[in-house]
Amino acid sequence: MTTEGSAELHGRLPWFRPADFTAEQREYYDGLLASPRDRGAVLDEQGRLNGPFNARILDPRIGTAIQRLGAVLRFDTPALTGRQRESSILEIARFEKSGYEWVSHSKTALAAGLSPAEIEAILQGTDLETFSAEELLTRRVVRILVAERDLSDAQYAEATEGLGLVTVFDLVSLVGYYQHTALALRVWRVPDDGPFG
């Protein structure tokens, strides 16, 4: 595969076609499609990769490692409920003004049990009584992590006592992964129709 001569762009990058993949890129592509991700969100009608997945094919070794981490964080973090995980991702998307992440995870947040009113509250940076105390603490911890890049001793004590050490580890990992994704989406100018215009 070359990065030159492709007529159609996906942001700043060529929108790479599966017919042009190297064997290593094909392996990344097939592994991504075998993951639990929604194929409709990952692929367009021509089989090209959407969002951050298109850029990750530039270096499929790193792309594969990143997509595997993302799959574990999305689908195999039993310390987090679906509501905690998706509200956390939406908090990151709001902070980063990442429209692609916001649109994608608004849909998965609904599937995880968040209501449209709860999703709107996250977008506005407010709370509703329908969030549990654990969910509110989770969101607060994520907001501190994305804004401060740290937890003070008091914040760390509150987080570990209220959520547990494993959950705090998972949240730190989730923040790092989704901030990385938001950065990639921004740098590659991936098109999105999110609310941050």
N, C-alpha and C. Protein backbone atom coordinates (compact mmCIF):
# COMPACT_ATOMS: atom_id res chain seq x y z
N MET A 1 0.84 -1.18 0.00
CA MET A 1 0.00 0.00 0.00
C MET A 1 0.88 1.24 0.00
N THR A 2 0.51 2.21 -0.79
CA THR A 2 1.20 3.50 -0.76
C THR A 2 0.26 4.55 -0.20
N THR A 3 0.84 5.65 0.27
CA THR A 3 0.01 6.74 0.79
C THR A 3 -0.16 7.84 -0.24
N GLU A 4 0.31 7.61 -1.44
CA GLU A 4 0.19 8.61 -2.49
C GLU A 4 -0.74 8.11 -3.58
N GLY A 5 -1.38 9.05 -4.24
CA GLY A 5 -2.17 8.70 -5.42
C GLY A 5 -3.58 8.26 -5.12
N SER A 6 -3.97 8.18 -3.86
CA SER A 6 -5.34 7.81 -3.55
C SER A 6 -6.22 9.03 -3.75
N ALA A 7 -7.28 8.90 -4.52
CA ALA A 7 -8.10 10.05 -4.90
C ALA A 7 -8.91 10.59 -3.73
N GLU A 8 -9.39 9.73 -2.88
CA GLU A 8 -10.30 10.17 -1.82
C GLU A 8 -9.60 10.23 -0.47
N LEU A 9 -9.83 11.33 0.24
CA LEU A 9 -9.24 11.51 1.56
C LEU A 9 -10.25 11.24 2.66
N HIS A 10 -9.71 10.80 3.78
CA HIS A 10 -10.49 10.67 5.02
C HIS A 10 -9.79 11.58 6.01
N GLY A 11 -10.22 12.84 6.06
CA GLY A 11 -9.46 13.84 6.80
C GLY A 11 -8.20 14.17 6.03
N ARG A 12 -7.06 14.11 6.70
CA ARG A 12 -5.79 14.41 6.05
C ARG A 12 -5.17 13.21 5.36
N LEU A 13 -5.71 12.03 5.59
CA LEU A 13 -5.10 10.81 5.07
C LEU A 13 -5.87 10.26 3.88
N PRO A 14 -5.18 9.51 3.03
CA PRO A 14 -5.94 8.74 2.04
C PRO A 14 -6.89 7.78 2.75
N TRP A 15 -8.02 7.55 2.14
CA TRP A 15 -8.95 6.56 2.69
C TRP A 15 -8.55 5.22 2.09
N PHE A 16 -7.76 4.50 2.85
CA PHE A 16 -7.10 3.31 2.33
C PHE A 16 -8.09 2.21 1.96
N ARG A 17 -7.84 1.59 0.81
CA ARG A 17 -8.72 0.55 0.27
C ARG A 17 -8.19 -0.83 0.61
N PRO A 18 -9.06 -1.73 1.05
CA PRO A 18 -8.62 -3.08 1.40
C PRO A 18 -7.86 -3.79 0.28
N ALA A 19 -8.20 -3.51 -0.97
CA ALA A 19 -7.52 -4.17 -2.09
C ALA A 19 -6.04 -3.80 -2.16
N ASP A 20 -5.67 -2.68 -1.52
CA ASP A 20 -4.29 -2.20 -1.58
C ASP A 20 -3.44 -2.59 -0.38
N PHE A 21 -4.01 -3.31 0.58
CA PHE A 21 -3.31 -3.61 1.83
C PHE A 21 -2.14 -4.57 1.62
N THR A 22 -1.11 -4.38 2.41
CA THR A 22 -0.05 -5.38 2.53
C THR A 22 -0.58 -6.54 3.39
N ALA A 23 0.18 -7.61 3.48
CA ALA A 23 -0.23 -8.75 4.31
C ALA A 23 -0.37 -8.34 5.77
N GLU A 24 0.55 -7.51 6.25
CA GLU A 24 0.50 -7.07 7.65
C GLU A 24 -0.71 -6.17 7.90
N GLN A 25 -1.01 -5.32 6.93
CA GLN A 25 -2.20 -4.47 7.06
C GLN A 25 -3.49 -5.30 7.01
N ARG A 26 -3.49 -6.31 6.17
CA ARG A 26 -4.65 -7.20 6.09
C ARG A 26 -4.86 -7.91 7.42
N GLU A 27 -3.78 -8.30 8.07
CA GLU A 27 -3.88 -8.96 9.37
C GLU A 27 -4.49 -8.02 10.42
N TYR A 28 -4.04 -6.76 10.42
CA TYR A 28 -4.64 -5.76 11.32
C TYR A 28 -6.14 -5.61 11.02
N TYR A 29 -6.47 -5.47 9.77
CA TYR A 29 -7.85 -5.26 9.32
C TYR A 29 -8.73 -6.44 9.74
N ASP A 30 -8.27 -7.65 9.47
CA ASP A 30 -9.05 -8.84 9.82
C ASP A 30 -9.21 -8.98 11.33
N GLY A 31 -8.15 -8.65 12.08
CA GLY A 31 -8.24 -8.70 13.54
C GLY A 31 -9.23 -7.69 14.08
N LEU A 32 -9.25 -6.52 13.49
CA LEU A 32 -10.20 -5.49 13.89
C LEU A 32 -11.63 -5.94 13.64
N LEU A 33 -11.86 -6.53 12.48
CA LEU A 33 -13.21 -6.99 12.14
C LEU A 33 -13.64 -8.19 12.97
N ALA A 34 -12.68 -8.94 13.50
CA ALA A 34 -13.01 -10.08 14.36
C ALA A 34 -13.29 -9.65 15.81
N SER A 35 -13.00 -8.39 16.13
CA SER A 35 -13.23 -7.88 17.48
C SER A 35 -14.74 -7.68 17.69
N PRO A 36 -15.16 -7.44 18.93
CA PRO A 36 -16.60 -7.26 19.19
C PRO A 36 -17.16 -5.91 18.74
N ARG A 37 -16.35 -5.08 18.11
CA ARG A 37 -16.83 -3.77 17.67
C ARG A 37 -17.93 -3.90 16.62
N ASP A 38 -18.78 -2.91 16.56
CA ASP A 38 -19.86 -2.85 15.58
C ASP A 38 -19.25 -2.58 14.20
N ARG A 39 -19.41 -3.52 13.29
CA ARG A 39 -18.82 -3.37 11.94
C ARG A 39 -19.33 -2.11 11.25
N GLY A 40 -20.60 -1.77 11.47
CA GLY A 40 -21.17 -0.59 10.84
C GLY A 40 -20.48 0.70 11.28
N ALA A 41 -19.93 0.70 12.49
CA ALA A 41 -19.21 1.88 12.98
C ALA A 41 -17.76 1.90 12.48
N VAL A 42 -17.22 0.73 12.18
CA VAL A 42 -15.81 0.60 11.81
C VAL A 42 -15.60 0.76 10.30
N LEU A 43 -16.55 0.28 9.50
CA LEU A 43 -16.39 0.24 8.05
C LEU A 43 -17.39 1.12 7.33
N ASP A 44 -16.99 1.63 6.18
CA ASP A 44 -17.97 2.24 5.29
C ASP A 44 -18.47 1.16 4.33
N GLU A 45 -19.34 1.52 3.40
CA GLU A 45 -19.96 0.53 2.51
C GLU A 45 -18.96 -0.09 1.54
N GLN A 46 -17.79 0.52 1.37
CA GLN A 46 -16.76 -0.04 0.49
C GLN A 46 -15.71 -0.84 1.25
N GLY A 47 -15.93 -1.03 2.55
CA GLY A 47 -14.99 -1.79 3.35
C GLY A 47 -13.81 -0.99 3.86
N ARG A 48 -13.82 0.33 3.65
CA ARG A 48 -12.76 1.18 4.16
C ARG A 48 -13.00 1.47 5.64
N LEU A 49 -11.92 1.73 6.36
CA LEU A 49 -12.01 1.93 7.80
C LEU A 49 -12.37 3.37 8.14
N ASN A 50 -13.29 3.52 9.07
CA ASN A 50 -13.72 4.84 9.54
C ASN A 50 -12.89 5.30 10.73
N GLY A 51 -13.05 6.58 11.04
CA GLY A 51 -12.50 7.14 12.27
C GLY A 51 -11.01 6.90 12.43
N PRO A 52 -10.59 6.58 13.66
CA PRO A 52 -9.17 6.41 13.93
C PRO A 52 -8.60 5.13 13.32
N PHE A 53 -9.47 4.20 12.94
CA PHE A 53 -9.01 2.90 12.46
C PHE A 53 -8.28 3.02 11.12
N ASN A 54 -8.67 3.98 10.30
CA ASN A 54 -8.00 4.20 9.01
C ASN A 54 -6.54 4.60 9.23
N ALA A 55 -6.28 5.49 10.17
CA ALA A 55 -4.90 5.94 10.42
C ALA A 55 -4.04 4.83 11.00
N ARG A 56 -4.63 3.99 11.81
CA ARG A 56 -3.84 2.94 12.49
C ARG A 56 -3.27 1.92 11.52
N ILE A 57 -3.81 1.88 10.32
CA ILE A 57 -3.28 0.94 9.34
C ILE A 57 -1.94 1.41 8.78
N LEU A 58 -1.57 2.67 9.03
CA LEU A 58 -0.26 3.16 8.58
C LEU A 58 0.88 2.34 9.17
N ASP A 59 0.74 1.97 10.44
CA ASP A 59 1.72 1.10 11.09
C ASP A 59 0.93 0.00 11.77
N PRO A 60 0.66 -1.09 11.06
CA PRO A 60 -0.26 -2.10 11.58
C PRO A 60 0.21 -2.79 12.85
N ARG A 61 1.51 -2.80 13.12
CA ARG A 61 1.96 -3.39 14.39
C ARG A 61 1.45 -2.58 15.56
N ILE A 62 1.64 -1.26 15.47
CA ILE A 62 1.14 -0.38 16.52
C ILE A 62 -0.38 -0.33 16.48
N GLY A 63 -0.94 -0.25 15.28
CA GLY A 63 -2.39 -0.23 15.14
C GLY A 63 -3.05 -1.43 15.79
N THR A 64 -2.45 -2.61 15.62
CA THR A 64 -3.00 -3.82 16.22
C THR A 64 -2.92 -3.75 17.74
N ALA A 65 -1.79 -3.30 18.26
CA ALA A 65 -1.66 -3.19 19.72
C ALA A 65 -2.69 -2.21 20.28
N ILE A 66 -2.88 -1.08 19.60
CA ILE A 66 -3.84 -0.09 20.06
C ILE A 66 -5.26 -0.64 20.00
N GLN A 67 -5.61 -1.31 18.92
CA GLN A 67 -6.98 -1.82 18.80
C GLN A 67 -7.24 -2.93 19.81
N ARG A 68 -6.24 -3.73 20.14
CA ARG A 68 -6.43 -4.76 21.16
C ARG A 68 -6.65 -4.15 22.53
N LEU A 69 -5.87 -3.11 22.86
CA LEU A 69 -6.09 -2.41 24.12
C LEU A 69 -7.49 -1.81 24.16
N GLY A 70 -7.88 -1.16 23.07
CA GLY A 70 -9.22 -0.57 23.00
C GLY A 70 -10.32 -1.60 23.18
N ALA A 71 -10.14 -2.77 22.58
CA ALA A 71 -11.16 -3.82 22.71
C ALA A 71 -11.28 -4.30 24.15
N VAL A 72 -10.16 -4.46 24.84
CA VAL A 72 -10.20 -4.87 26.24
C VAL A 72 -10.89 -3.80 27.08
N LEU A 73 -10.51 -2.54 26.87
CA LEU A 73 -11.11 -1.46 27.65
C LEU A 73 -12.61 -1.33 27.39
N ARG A 74 -13.02 -1.57 26.16
CA ARG A 74 -14.44 -1.45 25.82
C ARG A 74 -15.27 -2.66 26.24
N PHE A 75 -14.70 -3.85 26.13
CA PHE A 75 -15.53 -5.05 26.24
C PHE A 75 -15.12 -6.00 27.36
N ASP A 76 -14.05 -5.71 28.07
CA ASP A 76 -13.58 -6.68 29.06
C ASP A 76 -12.96 -5.99 30.27
N THR A 77 -13.72 -5.05 30.85
CA THR A 77 -13.30 -4.39 32.09
C THR A 77 -14.39 -4.61 33.14
N PRO A 78 -14.40 -5.79 33.78
CA PRO A 78 -15.49 -6.10 34.71
C PRO A 78 -15.55 -5.20 35.93
N ALA A 79 -14.48 -4.46 36.22
CA ALA A 79 -14.52 -3.54 37.35
C ALA A 79 -15.43 -2.34 37.07
N LEU A 80 -15.72 -2.08 35.79
CA LEU A 80 -16.58 -0.98 35.39
C LEU A 80 -17.90 -1.50 34.83
N THR A 81 -19.00 -0.88 35.23
CA THR A 81 -20.27 -1.20 34.57
C THR A 81 -20.27 -0.54 33.20
N GLY A 82 -21.17 -0.98 32.34
CA GLY A 82 -21.30 -0.33 31.04
C GLY A 82 -21.63 1.15 31.18
N ARG A 83 -22.47 1.49 32.14
CA ARG A 83 -22.82 2.89 32.36
C ARG A 83 -21.60 3.70 32.81
N GLN A 84 -20.81 3.13 33.72
CA GLN A 84 -19.59 3.84 34.14
C GLN A 84 -18.63 4.05 32.98
N ARG A 85 -18.42 2.98 32.22
CA ARG A 85 -17.46 3.05 31.12
C ARG A 85 -17.90 4.07 30.08
N GLU A 86 -19.15 3.98 29.65
CA GLU A 86 -19.60 4.87 28.57
C GLU A 86 -19.73 6.32 29.04
N SER A 87 -20.16 6.53 30.27
CA SER A 87 -20.22 7.92 30.76
C SER A 87 -18.80 8.48 30.88
N SER A 88 -17.84 7.64 31.23
CA SER A 88 -16.44 8.08 31.30
C SER A 88 -15.92 8.47 29.92
N ILE A 89 -16.21 7.65 28.92
CA ILE A 89 -15.76 7.95 27.57
C ILE A 89 -16.39 9.24 27.07
N LEU A 90 -17.67 9.44 27.38
CA LEU A 90 -18.33 10.69 26.99
C LEU A 90 -17.72 11.90 27.70
N GLU A 91 -17.33 11.72 28.96
CA GLU A 91 -16.65 12.82 29.67
C GLU A 91 -15.35 13.18 28.96
N ILE A 92 -14.60 12.17 28.53
CA ILE A 92 -13.34 12.40 27.81
C ILE A 92 -13.62 13.10 26.48
N ALA A 93 -14.62 12.61 25.75
CA ALA A 93 -14.97 13.20 24.46
C ALA A 93 -15.38 14.66 24.62
N ARG A 94 -16.14 14.96 25.67
CA ARG A 94 -16.56 16.35 25.92
C ARG A 94 -15.35 17.23 26.21
N PHE A 95 -14.46 16.75 27.08
CA PHE A 95 -13.28 17.53 27.43
C PHE A 95 -12.41 17.78 26.19
N GLU A 96 -12.22 16.75 25.39
CA GLU A 96 -11.36 16.83 24.21
C GLU A 96 -12.06 17.46 23.01
N LYS A 97 -13.37 17.71 23.15
CA LYS A 97 -14.18 18.21 22.03
C LYS A 97 -14.02 17.30 20.81
N SER A 98 -14.11 16.01 21.07
CA SER A 98 -13.95 14.99 20.04
C SER A 98 -15.33 14.54 19.56
N GLY A 99 -15.78 15.15 18.47
CA GLY A 99 -17.11 14.85 17.96
C GLY A 99 -17.28 13.41 17.52
N TYR A 100 -16.24 12.85 16.89
CA TYR A 100 -16.34 11.45 16.45
C TYR A 100 -16.57 10.54 17.65
N GLU A 101 -15.77 10.71 18.71
CA GLU A 101 -15.93 9.90 19.91
C GLU A 101 -17.30 10.14 20.54
N TRP A 102 -17.74 11.40 20.57
CA TRP A 102 -19.02 11.71 21.19
C TRP A 102 -20.17 11.00 20.46
N VAL A 103 -20.20 11.14 19.14
CA VAL A 103 -21.29 10.53 18.36
C VAL A 103 -21.27 9.01 18.51
N SER A 104 -20.09 8.42 18.36
CA SER A 104 -19.97 6.96 18.46
C SER A 104 -20.40 6.46 19.83
N HIS A 105 -19.92 7.12 20.87
CA HIS A 105 -20.19 6.60 22.21
C HIS A 105 -21.52 7.07 22.80
N SER A 106 -22.15 8.04 22.20
CA SER A 106 -23.53 8.35 22.59
C SER A 106 -24.43 7.16 22.27
N LYS A 107 -24.16 6.53 21.14
CA LYS A 107 -24.95 5.35 20.74
C LYS A 107 -24.67 4.18 21.68
N THR A 108 -23.41 3.93 21.99
CA THR A 108 -23.12 2.80 22.88
C THR A 108 -23.54 3.11 24.31
N ALA A 109 -23.56 4.40 24.67
CA ALA A 109 -24.06 4.77 26.00
C ALA A 109 -25.55 4.45 26.14
N LEU A 110 -26.31 4.72 25.10
CA LEU A 110 -27.73 4.36 25.12
C LEU A 110 -27.89 2.85 25.28
N ALA A 111 -27.10 2.09 24.54
CA ALA A 111 -27.16 0.63 24.64
C ALA A 111 -26.74 0.13 26.02
N ALA A 112 -25.88 0.90 26.71
CA ALA A 112 -25.41 0.51 28.05
C ALA A 112 -26.38 0.95 29.14
N GLY A 113 -27.45 1.64 28.75
CA GLY A 113 -28.47 2.00 29.73
C GLY A 113 -28.55 3.45 30.13
N LEU A 114 -27.70 4.31 29.57
CA LEU A 114 -27.84 5.74 29.85
C LEU A 114 -29.03 6.30 29.07
N SER A 115 -29.73 7.20 29.69
CA SER A 115 -30.88 7.82 29.03
C SER A 115 -30.41 9.01 28.20
N PRO A 116 -31.23 9.43 27.22
CA PRO A 116 -30.88 10.65 26.48
C PRO A 116 -30.67 11.85 27.40
N ALA A 117 -31.45 11.95 28.47
CA ALA A 117 -31.28 13.07 29.42
C ALA A 117 -29.93 12.98 30.13
N GLU A 118 -29.50 11.77 30.47
CA GLU A 118 -28.20 11.60 31.13
C GLU A 118 -27.06 11.94 30.18
N ILE A 119 -27.18 11.55 28.93
CA ILE A 119 -26.16 11.87 27.93
C ILE A 119 -26.09 13.39 27.74
N GLU A 120 -27.24 14.03 27.68
CA GLU A 120 -27.27 15.49 27.54
C GLU A 120 -26.65 16.17 28.77
N ALA A 121 -26.89 15.61 29.95
CA ALA A 121 -26.29 16.17 31.17
C ALA A 121 -24.76 16.10 31.11
N ILE A 122 -24.24 14.99 30.61
CA ILE A 122 -22.79 14.88 30.46
C ILE A 122 -22.29 15.93 29.47
N LEU A 123 -23.00 16.09 28.37
CA LEU A 123 -22.61 17.10 27.37
C LEU A 123 -22.58 18.49 27.98
N GLN A 124 -23.52 18.77 28.87
CA GLN A 124 -23.61 20.10 29.50
C GLN A 124 -22.72 20.21 30.74
N GLY A 125 -22.10 19.11 31.17
CA GLY A 125 -21.25 19.13 32.35
C GLY A 125 -22.03 19.20 33.65
N THR A 126 -23.23 18.64 33.64
CA THR A 126 -24.08 18.66 34.83
C THR A 126 -24.38 17.24 35.29
N ASP A 127 -25.03 17.14 36.44
CA ASP A 127 -25.39 15.84 37.00
C ASP A 127 -26.90 15.73 37.10
N LEU A 128 -27.38 14.51 37.13
CA LEU A 128 -28.79 14.21 37.35
C LEU A 128 -28.90 13.25 38.52
N GLU A 129 -30.05 13.25 39.17
CA GLU A 129 -30.28 12.34 40.30
C GLU A 129 -30.29 10.88 39.86
N THR A 130 -30.47 10.64 38.59
CA THR A 130 -30.53 9.26 38.09
C THR A 130 -29.16 8.58 38.07
N PHE A 131 -28.08 9.36 38.15
CA PHE A 131 -26.75 8.76 38.26
C PHE A 131 -26.55 8.27 39.69
N SER A 132 -26.04 7.06 39.84
CA SER A 132 -25.74 6.55 41.18
C SER A 132 -24.54 7.29 41.77
N ALA A 133 -24.37 7.15 43.08
CA ALA A 133 -23.21 7.78 43.74
C ALA A 133 -21.90 7.28 43.13
N GLU A 134 -21.84 6.00 42.81
CA GLU A 134 -20.63 5.42 42.20
C GLU A 134 -20.39 6.00 40.80
N GLU A 135 -21.46 6.17 40.04
CA GLU A 135 -21.33 6.75 38.70
C GLU A 135 -20.89 8.22 38.78
N LEU A 136 -21.43 8.95 39.73
CA LEU A 136 -21.03 10.35 39.89
C LEU A 136 -19.57 10.45 40.29
N LEU A 137 -19.11 9.57 41.19
CA LEU A 137 -17.71 9.58 41.58
C LEU A 137 -16.83 9.20 40.38
N THR A 138 -17.25 8.22 39.62
CA THR A 138 -16.50 7.82 38.43
C THR A 138 -16.34 9.00 37.48
N ARG A 139 -17.42 9.70 37.20
CA ARG A 139 -17.36 10.85 36.30
C ARG A 139 -16.47 11.94 36.87
N ARG A 140 -16.55 12.17 38.17
CA ARG A 140 -15.73 13.20 38.80
C ARG A 140 -14.24 12.86 38.68
N VAL A 141 -13.91 11.59 38.94
CA VAL A 141 -12.52 11.15 38.82
C VAL A 141 -12.02 11.34 37.39
N VAL A 142 -12.83 10.96 36.42
CA VAL A 142 -12.43 11.11 35.02
C VAL A 142 -12.23 12.58 34.67
N ARG A 143 -13.13 13.44 35.11
CA ARG A 143 -12.99 14.87 34.83
C ARG A 143 -11.68 15.42 35.41
N ILE A 144 -11.33 14.97 36.61
CA ILE A 144 -10.07 15.42 37.22
C ILE A 144 -8.89 14.88 36.43
N LEU A 145 -8.94 13.62 36.05
CA LEU A 145 -7.83 13.02 35.30
C LEU A 145 -7.59 13.74 33.98
N VAL A 146 -8.65 14.05 33.24
CA VAL A 146 -8.45 14.68 31.94
C VAL A 146 -8.00 16.14 32.08
N ALA A 147 -8.47 16.82 33.11
CA ALA A 147 -8.14 18.23 33.27
C ALA A 147 -6.81 18.44 33.99
N GLU A 148 -6.57 17.66 35.05
CA GLU A 148 -5.40 17.87 35.89
C GLU A 148 -4.24 16.92 35.58
N ARG A 149 -4.55 15.82 34.88
CA ARG A 149 -3.55 14.80 34.55
C ARG A 149 -2.96 14.17 35.80
N ASP A 150 -3.73 14.18 36.91
CA ASP A 150 -3.24 13.66 38.18
C ASP A 150 -4.43 13.59 39.14
N LEU A 151 -4.22 12.96 40.28
CA LEU A 151 -5.15 12.99 41.40
C LEU A 151 -4.35 13.43 42.62
N SER A 152 -4.88 14.39 43.36
CA SER A 152 -4.24 14.78 44.61
C SER A 152 -4.37 13.61 45.59
N ASP A 153 -3.67 13.69 46.71
CA ASP A 153 -3.77 12.63 47.72
C ASP A 153 -5.21 12.44 48.18
N ALA A 154 -5.92 13.55 48.41
CA ALA A 154 -7.32 13.46 48.86
C ALA A 154 -8.20 12.85 47.77
N GLN A 155 -7.99 13.27 46.52
CA GLN A 155 -8.77 12.73 45.41
C GLN A 155 -8.48 11.25 45.19
N TYR A 156 -7.22 10.88 45.31
CA TYR A 156 -6.83 9.47 45.17
C TYR A 156 -7.48 8.63 46.26
N ALA A 157 -7.46 9.12 47.50
CA ALA A 157 -8.07 8.38 48.60
C ALA A 157 -9.56 8.22 48.37
N GLU A 158 -10.23 9.29 47.94
CA GLU A 158 -11.68 9.20 47.67
C GLU A 158 -11.96 8.21 46.55
N ALA A 159 -11.15 8.26 45.49
CA ALA A 159 -11.37 7.38 44.34
C ALA A 159 -11.16 5.92 44.71
N THR A 160 -10.05 5.62 45.39
CA THR A 160 -9.76 4.21 45.71
C THR A 160 -10.71 3.67 46.77
N GLU A 161 -11.10 4.51 47.72
CA GLU A 161 -12.05 4.05 48.74
C GLU A 161 -13.45 3.87 48.16
N GLY A 162 -13.84 4.77 47.25
CA GLY A 162 -15.19 4.71 46.70
C GLY A 162 -15.36 3.77 45.53
N LEU A 163 -14.28 3.54 44.79
CA LEU A 163 -14.37 2.74 43.57
C LEU A 163 -13.51 1.49 43.59
N GLY A 164 -12.44 1.51 44.36
CA GLY A 164 -11.51 0.38 44.39
C GLY A 164 -10.31 0.64 43.51
N LEU A 165 -9.22 0.04 43.87
CA LEU A 165 -7.95 0.26 43.18
C LEU A 165 -7.99 -0.21 41.73
N VAL A 166 -8.62 -1.36 41.47
CA VAL A 166 -8.68 -1.88 40.10
C VAL A 166 -9.48 -0.93 39.21
N THR A 167 -10.59 -0.41 39.72
CA THR A 167 -11.40 0.52 38.94
C THR A 167 -10.62 1.79 38.62
N VAL A 168 -9.87 2.30 39.60
CA VAL A 168 -9.06 3.49 39.34
C VAL A 168 -8.02 3.19 38.27
N PHE A 169 -7.38 2.03 38.34
CA PHE A 169 -6.43 1.65 37.30
C PHE A 169 -7.11 1.62 35.93
N ASP A 170 -8.28 1.00 35.87
CA ASP A 170 -9.00 0.92 34.60
C ASP A 170 -9.38 2.30 34.08
N LEU A 171 -9.76 3.21 34.98
CA LEU A 171 -10.11 4.57 34.55
C LEU A 171 -8.90 5.32 34.02
N VAL A 172 -7.76 5.18 34.69
CA VAL A 172 -6.53 5.82 34.19
C VAL A 172 -6.22 5.28 32.79
N SER A 173 -6.36 3.98 32.61
CA SER A 173 -6.09 3.36 31.30
C SER A 173 -7.08 3.85 30.25
N LEU A 174 -8.35 3.93 30.64
CA LEU A 174 -9.40 4.40 29.73
C LEU A 174 -9.14 5.83 29.29
N VAL A 175 -8.79 6.69 30.24
CA VAL A 175 -8.50 8.09 29.91
C VAL A 175 -7.32 8.16 28.95
N GLY A 176 -6.26 7.44 29.22
CA GLY A 176 -5.10 7.46 28.34
C GLY A 176 -5.43 7.01 26.93
N TYR A 177 -6.19 5.93 26.83
CA TYR A 177 -6.54 5.40 25.51
C TYR A 177 -7.41 6.38 24.72
N TYR A 178 -8.46 6.89 25.37
CA TYR A 178 -9.38 7.76 24.63
C TYR A 178 -8.80 9.15 24.39
N GLN A 179 -7.89 9.61 25.22
CA GLN A 179 -7.21 10.86 24.89
C GLN A 179 -6.25 10.64 23.72
N HIS A 180 -5.61 9.49 23.67
CA HIS A 180 -4.78 9.15 22.51
C HIS A 180 -5.64 9.13 21.25
N THR A 181 -6.80 8.52 21.33
CA THR A 181 -7.69 8.44 20.17
C THR A 181 -8.16 9.83 19.76
N ALA A 182 -8.52 10.66 20.74
CA ALA A 182 -8.96 12.03 20.43
C ALA A 182 -7.84 12.82 19.75
N LEU A 183 -6.62 12.64 20.22
CA LEU A 183 -5.48 13.32 19.61
C LEU A 183 -5.30 12.88 18.16
N ALA A 184 -5.37 11.58 17.94
CA ALA A 184 -5.23 11.06 16.57
C ALA A 184 -6.33 11.60 15.67
N LEU A 185 -7.56 11.60 16.15
CA LEU A 185 -8.68 12.12 15.35
C LEU A 185 -8.47 13.59 15.01
N ARG A 186 -7.93 14.34 15.95
CA ARG A 186 -7.69 15.77 15.73
C ARG A 186 -6.56 15.98 14.71
N VAL A 187 -5.45 15.28 14.90
CA VAL A 187 -4.31 15.45 14.01
C VAL A 187 -4.65 15.04 12.58
N TRP A 188 -5.37 13.94 12.43
CA TRP A 188 -5.70 13.44 11.09
C TRP A 188 -6.93 14.12 10.51
N ARG A 189 -7.55 15.04 11.30
CA ARG A 189 -8.74 15.79 10.84
C ARG A 189 -9.83 14.83 10.36
N VAL A 190 -10.07 13.79 11.15
CA VAL A 190 -11.10 12.81 10.78
C VAL A 190 -12.46 13.51 10.83
N PRO A 191 -13.24 13.39 9.77
CA PRO A 191 -14.54 14.05 9.74
C PRO A 191 -15.46 13.54 10.87
N ASP A 192 -16.22 14.46 11.45
CA ASP A 192 -17.22 14.06 12.43
C ASP A 192 -18.38 15.02 12.38
N ASP A 193 -19.51 14.58 12.90
CA ASP A 193 -20.69 15.44 12.94
C ASP A 193 -21.13 15.65 14.39
N GLY A 194 -20.15 15.77 15.26
CA GLY A 194 -20.42 15.92 16.68
C GLY A 194 -20.89 17.32 17.06
N PRO A 195 -21.17 17.51 18.34
CA PRO A 195 -21.78 18.75 18.81
C PRO A 195 -20.80 19.88 19.11
N PHE A 196 -19.52 19.70 18.82
CA PHE A 196 -18.53 20.67 19.27
C PHE A 196 -18.11 21.67 18.19
N GLY A 197 -18.54 21.39 16.95
CA GLY A 197 -18.29 22.25 15.80
C GLY A 197 -17.20 23.16 15.91
